[in-house]
Amino acid sequence: MQENRSHRRQLFRAAAVTAGAAVTAPVLGGIAPAQAAALAATGAIPWVGPAGSGATFEVNENLGAQAAINAALGTGSRRAVYVAPGNYNLKAPVVLGDKQALIGAGPLVTMLTAASGFSGAALVVNPWSGAQAAATRQCVTDIGLDGASRAANGVNFQMNTAPGSFGPDPAPWLTRVFVTRTTGDGFLFGGTYAGGQREFKITDCRVENAGGWAYNFQASDGFISGCSAQGCKGGGYLLGGGNIKMWGSKAYGIGTATDPAPAFRIDSSRATVVGCEAQDTAGNGFEVLAPNSTLSGCTADSTGIGSSDTGNENSAGFYVAASAVSVEGGSFQRANGGAKWIVSGAGMRSALYVAGGADYLSVRLVTGPNRPAPFQNLITGTVGANSSVSVLG
C-alpha cells in the first residue's frame, strides 16, 4: 500500500461513473457513487484503487485491499472512503469506526472478495471492543461483498457497549449492498448492549447463496425496505429484535432438503411487516413467533417442503405460534409452484398453520378456489376461542 495524491484525473477513468456531472441530492444512507467520485477527485475524501491507478491509497495485493481501505478511513470520526470499480481481495475485515462511510461505485461494480486465508468474522465489521467500541452511525453503500465460501458474514455489526453519541440508537445505514457466498449469515446485527444495533436502516440490499440467514437482525427498532434474498440455506429474514419495521421485500429459493427454513421469521415483538413476499421456499413463508406483531398485504406463494411434510409444520404460507397477532394477505399454491429444485414435491400444504396455544389472532387470508397439489388444508391447527380467523378459498 502506498499513498499517492497525484494524477487524480485517473479516478474518472477508474470510476466509470458520471463524476463530472452536477452533484445531485444525497441518497438515503450516504452519497451516490457519482458524488463520491467527484469528491474524491477534488481531494475532499480519499479513494482506493488498484496499483498504478493514481488512487490516494493504492491496493497492495500482498497485504489485501482492507489495508488500503482501513488506512484511508483512519481512526477519526466523520471519515469516508470511495472504492473505485474493480474486484478487490480482502485478507481481513474492513473496519468502520465512528460515523465512517464505505462507498463503492455500485453493488456489482465495486466488489470486495474474501481471499484465500481470509481471517476475521466478516468482510465488513464495526469495532467490537477497545476505544472505538462505542462507535455509531456507520454507512455502507453501493458495494458488493463476496464471501467466496470463506467469510462467515458479509456485514457483522455488533454493539457491546452504550453508544458514545446519539444514544440510545447506534443507527447504522446500509444502502444497495450486495452479499453473496457467505458461510453464515449475509447480514448479522446484534450485540450485548440493550437493543444491539438499534434503529438500523437497510435499504435496497440483496443476499444470494448464504450458508445461514440472508438477514439476521438480533437488534431492535430497525427499518428494512426493498431487499431480496435468494438461495440462502438458513432462511431469508430473521427479525429477532424488538419493534422492527419491514416493507416491500422478498425471499425465494430458501432452505435445503434436509433443513427446511422460512422466508421470514418474525421473532420480534411489535414487528410490522408490510407488502412482503415469500415464494418457492423449502419451508414456511412467514413464521410469526413473537406477540403483538402485524403483517399486512403479504403474500406466500408455494412455500413449504410439500408432500413429505405429513404434519404441515414446514409447508404453510403463514405459521403463527404467538398470540396477539394480526395477519392480512394471500396464501396460495400455484400450479407447478414450489422449490422443487431444492426438495422433491415441494409446495404449500396449508394456507395457515396455527400452533397450539396461539390466541387473540386476527387473520384474513385469501387463497382462491384452485389449490393444486400438494395443498391439503386451508387451516391446520386449532383456532383459539378469542380469535377471528378467515381463510377464503
Foldseek 3Di string as FASTA:
>chain_A
DDFFQPDLVLLCVQAVDPLVDDADDADPQGRALSVQSVCCSVVVAFEEEDPPSRGRFHDDLVQWSLVSQQVRQDADAPHEYEYGFDETEHQEANEDFANYEYHYSAAVGAEYEHDPNRDYQENYEYDCDDPRLLHAAYGYEGYEYEDVLPHQEHYEYWRADQHPPPPPARAYEYYRYEYENHLEEHYHFYYPPQQINAAYEYYQYEYEQYAAEPEEYLGDNYEEENYEYEQYAHEYYEQQEEQYEYEHYEYENYHAQVGFYENEEANYANYEYEHYEYFQGQFEHYEYAYANYEYYAYEYEFFHLFPVCPQQRGAEPYEYEAENYEEEYEFAYDVVTHNCVRHNRGGHAEPYEYDPPYANYEEHYEYDDDHDPPHHYPYHDDYDPRYDYDYHD
